[in-house]
Amino acid sequence: MKLKLGIPKGSLQDATVQLFARAGFNIYVSSRSYFPSIDDPEIECMLIRAQEMARYVSDGVLDAGLTGQDWIAEHEAGDGKTGVITSIADLIYAKQSFGKVKWVLAAPEDSPFRTAKDLEGKTIATELVRATRAYFARQQVNVNVEFSWGATEVKPPTLADAIVEVTETGSSLRANRLRILDVVMESNTQLIANHTVLADPAKRTKLENIALLLKAAIEAQGRVGLMLNVRRADLAAVLGLLPALQRPTISALSDEQWVAVNTIIEERTVRDLIPKLKAASAQGIVEYPLNKIVL
């Protein structure tokens, strides 16, 4: 059994390879090949642009792949093939951060445009053509939507009146003196599969296991484990300082007067928390990294 898996080439590529590494799968990408190697004999990888992933999974060229909700919507808006692909996992990560991205409608700061309806009869530049047309159709606004090959932010006002562009932080839009008028859609990465592949028990199980490990790696992002020892008499004070994923694990030690506490916390809180724990009489405090958290 070989699962044909599409890895998104381009802006998501590095983040995806790193995520798989945290999940326990090492993918080795060569600049000379579109077929990365992976240390799992049951998986065969291929680099495909995220924009094309849904089409190749839908057509059965690939069994599964990772792409954004935006490009799934773009594929379905153009081909009308709903139900041919199935989302196996919602994976919230992007090229710069572990979060969603937004496709926004933006116009020059000094333009008279304030809402989508102000763009009646105007030209919109975007790479997300079909989904943008669907957005304006819902708004009952007639516009001319043109495909943009890149550098979309620089096109208004000379080459377009407004744009629909993807953003994580909005910094590029601000740098080009553009104002966001509306959010067209939010998107994050999906692990998708051709629905016929899911009828194969072996491939379905493999995909579900991959999804489990990827989600566990995302869940662990930004968190660390914390172990410490404390006298039973001081336990309540220590527990009052610990924000836990669920509840801290408390274990008895050989000395009946002491217990061990093990918990998971946000990494950004550690520098403030450890001095407080020490002041509350905790001892033997150990911080350790996490690769996966399976909920």
Protein backbone atom coordinates (compact mmCIF):
# COMPACT_ATOMS: atom_id res chain seq x y z
CA MET A 1 0.00 0.00 0.00
CA LYS A 2 1.33 3.40 -1.06
CA LEU A 3 -0.50 6.55 -0.06
CA LYS A 4 0.08 9.28 -2.66
CA LEU A 5 0.34 12.47 -0.62
CA GLY A 6 0.59 16.00 -1.98
CA ILE A 7 2.85 18.43 -0.11
CA PRO A 8 2.13 22.12 -0.89
CA LYS A 9 4.97 23.70 -2.87
CA GLY A 10 5.67 27.37 -2.27
CA SER A 11 4.89 29.51 0.76
CA LEU A 12 3.49 26.63 2.85
CA GLN A 13 6.22 24.14 1.96
CA ASP A 14 8.70 24.81 4.77
CA ALA A 15 6.00 25.09 7.44
CA THR A 16 4.47 21.80 6.27
CA VAL A 17 7.79 19.93 6.27
CA GLN A 18 8.52 21.26 9.77
CA LEU A 19 5.07 20.22 10.99
CA PHE A 20 5.54 16.69 9.64
CA ALA A 21 8.93 16.53 11.37
CA ARG A 22 7.31 17.38 14.72
CA ALA A 23 4.68 14.73 13.99
CA GLY A 24 7.46 12.14 13.47
CA PHE A 25 7.72 12.07 9.67
CA ASN A 26 10.98 13.30 8.14
CA ILE A 27 10.50 14.66 4.63
CA TYR A 28 13.62 15.36 2.55
CA VAL A 29 13.09 17.90 -0.24
CA SER A 30 15.54 18.24 -3.12
CA SER A 31 15.65 21.36 -5.28
CA ARG A 32 16.01 19.07 -8.30
CA SER A 33 12.94 16.89 -7.73
CA TYR A 34 9.21 17.25 -7.22
CA PHE A 35 9.15 13.91 -5.39
CA PRO A 36 10.50 14.39 -1.84
CA SER A 37 11.56 11.30 0.07
CA ILE A 38 9.96 10.44 3.40
CA ASP A 39 11.01 7.97 6.08
CA ASP A 40 7.73 6.05 5.84
CA PRO A 41 7.56 3.28 3.21
CA GLU A 42 3.77 3.54 3.05
CA ILE A 43 3.80 7.18 1.85
CA GLU A 44 4.82 8.60 -1.52
CA CYS A 45 5.14 12.40 -1.59
CA MET A 46 4.79 14.86 -4.44
CA LEU A 47 5.23 18.63 -4.39
CA ILE A 48 2.18 20.40 -5.84
CA ARG A 49 1.21 24.07 -5.66
CA ALA A 50 -1.49 24.58 -3.02
CA GLN A 51 -3.64 26.27 -5.69
CA GLU A 52 -3.77 23.01 -7.67
CA MET A 53 -3.95 20.49 -4.84
CA ALA A 54 -7.75 20.18 -4.67
CA ARG A 55 -7.98 19.49 -8.41
CA TYR A 56 -5.42 16.68 -8.36
CA VAL A 57 -6.96 15.10 -5.26
CA SER A 58 -10.42 15.44 -6.79
CA ASP A 59 -9.24 13.79 -10.04
CA GLY A 60 -7.59 10.93 -8.12
CA VAL A 61 -4.05 11.75 -9.26
CA LEU A 62 -3.26 12.10 -5.55
CA ASP A 63 -4.91 10.18 -2.74
CA ALA A 64 -4.61 13.08 -0.31
CA GLY A 65 -2.89 16.42 0.13
CA LEU A 66 -2.58 19.56 2.19
CA THR A 67 -4.03 22.82 0.95
CA GLY A 68 -6.01 25.79 2.20
CA GLN A 69 -9.76 26.17 2.50
CA ASP A 70 -9.35 29.09 0.10
CA TRP A 71 -8.07 26.90 -2.74
CA ILE A 72 -10.68 24.23 -2.02
CA ALA A 73 -13.36 26.91 -2.35
CA GLU A 74 -11.71 28.21 -5.53
CA HIS A 75 -11.72 24.71 -7.04
CA GLU A 76 -15.33 24.01 -6.13
CA ALA A 77 -16.50 27.44 -7.30
CA GLY A 78 -15.00 26.76 -10.73
CA ASP A 79 -15.66 23.06 -11.23
CA GLY A 80 -18.69 22.55 -9.04
CA LYS A 81 -17.23 19.27 -7.78
CA THR A 82 -18.51 19.26 -4.21
CA GLY A 83 -18.33 16.00 -2.30
CA VAL A 84 -15.50 14.58 -4.41
CA ILE A 85 -12.93 15.50 -1.76
CA THR A 86 -13.26 15.14 1.99
CA SER A 87 -11.49 17.07 4.72
CA ILE A 88 -9.75 14.68 7.09
CA ALA A 89 -8.28 17.27 9.45
CA ASP A 90 -8.43 20.99 10.12
CA LEU A 91 -4.80 22.06 10.60
CA ILE A 92 -4.44 25.65 11.76
CA TYR A 93 -0.99 26.69 10.63
CA ALA A 94 0.32 29.13 8.03
CA LYS A 95 3.65 30.12 6.53
CA GLN A 96 4.52 32.61 9.32
CA SER A 97 2.42 31.51 12.27
CA PHE A 98 0.10 28.92 13.73
CA GLY A 99 -3.13 30.67 12.86
CA LYS A 100 -5.60 31.38 10.11
CA VAL A 101 -5.01 33.65 7.14
CA LYS A 102 -7.56 36.06 5.70
CA TRP A 103 -8.43 37.00 2.16
CA VAL A 104 -9.40 40.65 2.38
CA LEU A 105 -10.88 43.24 0.07
CA ALA A 106 -8.58 46.26 0.13
CA ALA A 107 -8.44 49.63 -1.62
CA PRO A 108 -6.07 52.63 -1.52
CA GLU A 109 -6.23 54.62 1.73
CA ASP A 110 -6.99 57.82 -0.18
CA SER A 111 -9.73 56.26 -2.34
CA PRO A 112 -13.46 56.97 -1.82
CA PHE A 113 -14.21 53.24 -1.42
CA ARG A 114 -15.47 52.19 2.01
CA THR A 115 -17.53 49.04 1.33
CA ALA A 116 -17.88 46.40 -1.36
CA LYS A 117 -20.94 48.18 -2.75
CA ASP A 118 -18.83 51.25 -3.52
CA LEU A 119 -16.96 49.16 -6.11
CA GLU A 120 -19.89 48.74 -8.51
CA GLY A 121 -18.48 48.56 -12.06
CA LYS A 122 -14.86 48.66 -10.84
CA THR A 123 -11.92 46.31 -11.48
CA ILE A 124 -10.69 43.92 -8.77
CA ALA A 125 -7.30 42.19 -9.06
CA THR A 126 -6.78 38.89 -7.27
CA GLU A 127 -5.35 35.39 -7.52
CA LEU A 128 -8.55 34.04 -5.95
CA VAL A 129 -10.73 34.81 -8.96
CA ARG A 130 -13.64 32.38 -8.63
CA ALA A 131 -14.17 32.82 -4.91
CA THR A 132 -13.94 36.61 -5.34
CA ARG A 133 -16.62 36.54 -8.03
CA ALA A 134 -18.79 34.44 -5.72
CA TYR A 135 -18.24 36.98 -2.92
CA PHE A 136 -19.35 39.93 -5.05
CA ALA A 137 -22.31 37.93 -6.37
CA ARG A 138 -23.46 37.45 -2.76
CA GLN A 139 -23.05 41.19 -2.25
CA GLN A 140 -25.07 41.78 -5.46
CA VAL A 141 -22.31 44.02 -6.79
CA ASN A 142 -21.19 43.88 -10.43
CA VAL A 143 -17.41 44.11 -10.80
CA ASN A 144 -14.71 43.03 -13.22
CA VAL A 145 -12.49 40.46 -11.50
CA GLU A 146 -9.06 40.03 -13.10
CA PHE A 147 -6.47 37.37 -12.32
CA SER A 148 -3.28 38.70 -10.77
CA TRP A 149 0.01 36.89 -11.35
CA GLY A 150 1.60 38.43 -8.27
CA ALA A 151 2.57 41.71 -6.63
CA THR A 152 -1.14 42.33 -6.29
CA GLU A 153 -0.68 45.01 -3.59
CA VAL A 154 0.97 47.43 -6.04
CA LYS A 155 -1.81 47.35 -8.66
CA PRO A 156 -4.26 49.91 -7.19
CA PRO A 157 -5.05 52.49 -8.31
CA THR A 158 -3.34 52.31 -11.73
CA LEU A 159 -4.02 48.71 -12.76
CA ALA A 160 -7.03 47.98 -10.56
CA ASP A 161 -9.42 49.86 -8.31
CA ALA A 162 -9.15 47.35 -5.46
CA ILE A 163 -7.71 43.94 -4.69
CA VAL A 164 -8.58 40.74 -2.86
CA GLU A 165 -5.39 39.50 -1.27
CA VAL A 166 -4.32 37.03 1.42
CA THR A 167 -2.76 38.35 4.61
CA GLU A 168 -1.58 37.06 7.97
CA THR A 169 -0.59 40.31 9.63
CA GLY A 170 -1.71 43.06 7.21
CA SER A 171 1.78 44.58 7.20
CA SER A 172 2.24 44.34 3.43
CA LEU A 173 -1.11 46.03 2.83
CA ARG A 174 -0.24 48.87 5.19
CA ALA A 175 3.17 49.26 3.56
CA ASN A 176 1.43 49.78 0.23
CA ARG A 177 -1.05 52.27 1.72
CA LEU A 178 -4.06 50.00 1.33
CA ARG A 179 -7.10 49.95 3.62
CA ILE A 180 -9.05 46.75 4.35
CA LEU A 181 -12.73 47.10 3.44
CA ASP A 182 -13.96 43.60 4.25
CA VAL A 183 -12.89 40.03 4.94
CA VAL A 184 -13.81 37.88 1.95
CA MET A 185 -12.95 34.61 3.69
CA GLU A 186 -10.77 33.06 6.37
CA SER A 187 -8.63 30.07 5.54
CA ASN A 188 -6.40 27.50 7.15
CA THR A 189 -4.76 24.33 5.95
CA GLN A 190 -6.79 21.17 5.45
CA LEU A 191 -5.69 17.58 5.02
CA ILE A 192 -7.99 16.45 2.22
CA ALA A 193 -8.56 13.10 0.53
CA ASN A 194 -10.35 11.77 -2.51
CA HIS A 195 -13.57 10.17 -1.25
CA THR A 196 -12.84 6.92 -3.09
CA VAL A 197 -9.58 6.55 -1.15
CA LEU A 198 -11.54 6.53 2.08
CA ALA A 199 -13.25 3.33 0.95
CA ASP A 200 -9.86 1.59 1.20
CA PRO A 201 -9.55 0.55 4.90
CA ALA A 202 -5.74 0.55 4.88
CA LYS A 203 -5.41 4.00 3.31
CA ARG A 204 -8.18 5.43 5.46
CA THR A 205 -6.47 4.19 8.64
CA LYS A 206 -3.14 5.60 7.43
CA LEU A 207 -4.69 9.00 6.76
CA GLU A 208 -6.43 9.07 10.12
CA ASN A 209 -3.16 8.21 11.88
CA ILE A 210 -1.32 10.98 9.98
CA ALA A 211 -4.09 13.44 10.92
CA LEU A 212 -3.88 12.42 14.58
CA LEU A 213 -0.13 13.02 14.70
CA LEU A 214 -0.27 16.33 12.79
CA LYS A 215 -2.96 17.69 15.10
CA ALA A 216 -0.98 16.51 18.12
CA ALA A 217 2.10 18.38 16.83
CA ILE A 218 0.07 21.56 16.36
CA GLU A 219 -1.46 21.19 19.82
CA ALA A 220 2.04 21.01 21.35
CA GLN A 221 3.22 24.17 19.58
CA GLY A 222 4.04 26.87 22.12
CA ARG A 223 3.62 24.57 25.12
CA VAL A 224 6.09 22.90 27.46
CA GLY A 225 5.97 20.33 30.21
CA LEU A 226 6.80 21.26 33.79
CA MET A 227 7.78 18.88 36.60
CA LEU A 228 8.45 19.80 40.20
CA ASN A 229 8.49 18.44 43.75
CA VAL A 230 6.64 20.04 46.65
CA ARG A 231 5.76 19.28 50.25
CA ARG A 232 2.13 18.24 50.72
CA ALA A 233 1.72 21.16 53.09
CA ASP A 234 2.63 23.58 50.27
CA LEU A 235 0.73 21.75 47.49
CA ALA A 236 -2.37 23.97 47.49
CA ALA A 237 -0.29 27.12 47.05
CA VAL A 238 1.65 25.59 44.15
CA LEU A 239 -1.48 24.27 42.41
CA GLY A 240 -3.01 27.72 42.65
CA LEU A 241 -0.20 29.02 40.43
CA LEU A 242 -0.49 26.36 37.71
CA PRO A 243 -2.69 26.93 34.65
CA ALA A 244 -3.05 23.36 33.42
CA LEU A 245 -4.14 21.84 30.12
CA GLN A 246 -6.62 19.84 32.19
CA ARG A 247 -5.46 18.96 35.70
CA PRO A 248 -1.88 18.52 36.93
CA THR A 249 -0.73 14.95 37.58
CA ILE A 250 0.23 14.47 41.22
CA SER A 251 2.34 11.45 42.21
CA ALA A 252 3.49 10.22 45.60
CA LEU A 253 7.22 10.17 46.34
CA SER A 254 9.17 7.81 48.62
CA ASP A 255 9.02 10.50 51.29
CA GLU A 256 5.34 10.65 52.25
CA GLN A 257 5.65 14.35 53.03
CA TRP A 258 6.43 15.15 49.38
CA VAL A 259 4.66 14.78 46.01
CA ALA A 260 5.69 15.23 42.37
CA VAL A 261 3.61 17.51 40.13
CA ASN A 262 3.59 17.23 36.34
CA THR A 263 1.69 19.63 34.08
CA ILE A 264 1.59 21.32 30.66
CA ILE A 265 1.70 25.10 30.32
CA GLU A 266 2.11 27.84 27.72
CA GLU A 267 5.82 28.41 27.09
CA ARG A 268 5.42 32.19 27.21
CA THR A 269 4.30 31.97 30.87
CA VAL A 270 7.33 30.01 32.11
CA ARG A 271 9.64 32.93 32.82
CA ASP A 272 7.09 34.50 35.18
CA LEU A 273 5.82 31.24 36.65
CA ILE A 274 9.05 29.51 37.72
CA PRO A 275 10.14 32.25 40.19
CA LYS A 276 6.63 32.19 41.69
CA LEU A 277 6.76 28.40 42.06
CA LYS A 278 10.17 28.64 43.73
CA ALA A 279 8.81 31.25 46.12
CA ALA A 280 5.91 28.88 46.92
CA SER A 281 8.49 26.26 48.08
CA ALA A 282 8.54 24.10 44.95
CA GLN A 283 11.84 22.27 44.36
CA GLY A 284 13.48 20.31 41.55
CA ILE A 285 11.66 22.32 38.90
CA VAL A 286 12.26 20.93 35.38
CA GLU A 287 10.97 22.41 32.13
CA TYR A 288 10.97 20.08 29.09
CA PRO A 289 9.90 20.45 25.43
CA LEU A 290 6.87 18.74 23.90
CA ASN A 291 6.57 17.31 20.40
CA LYS A 292 2.96 16.15 20.50
CA ILE A 293 -0.13 16.44 22.66
CA VAL A 294 -2.90 13.96 21.87
CA LEU A 295 -6.19 15.18 23.29
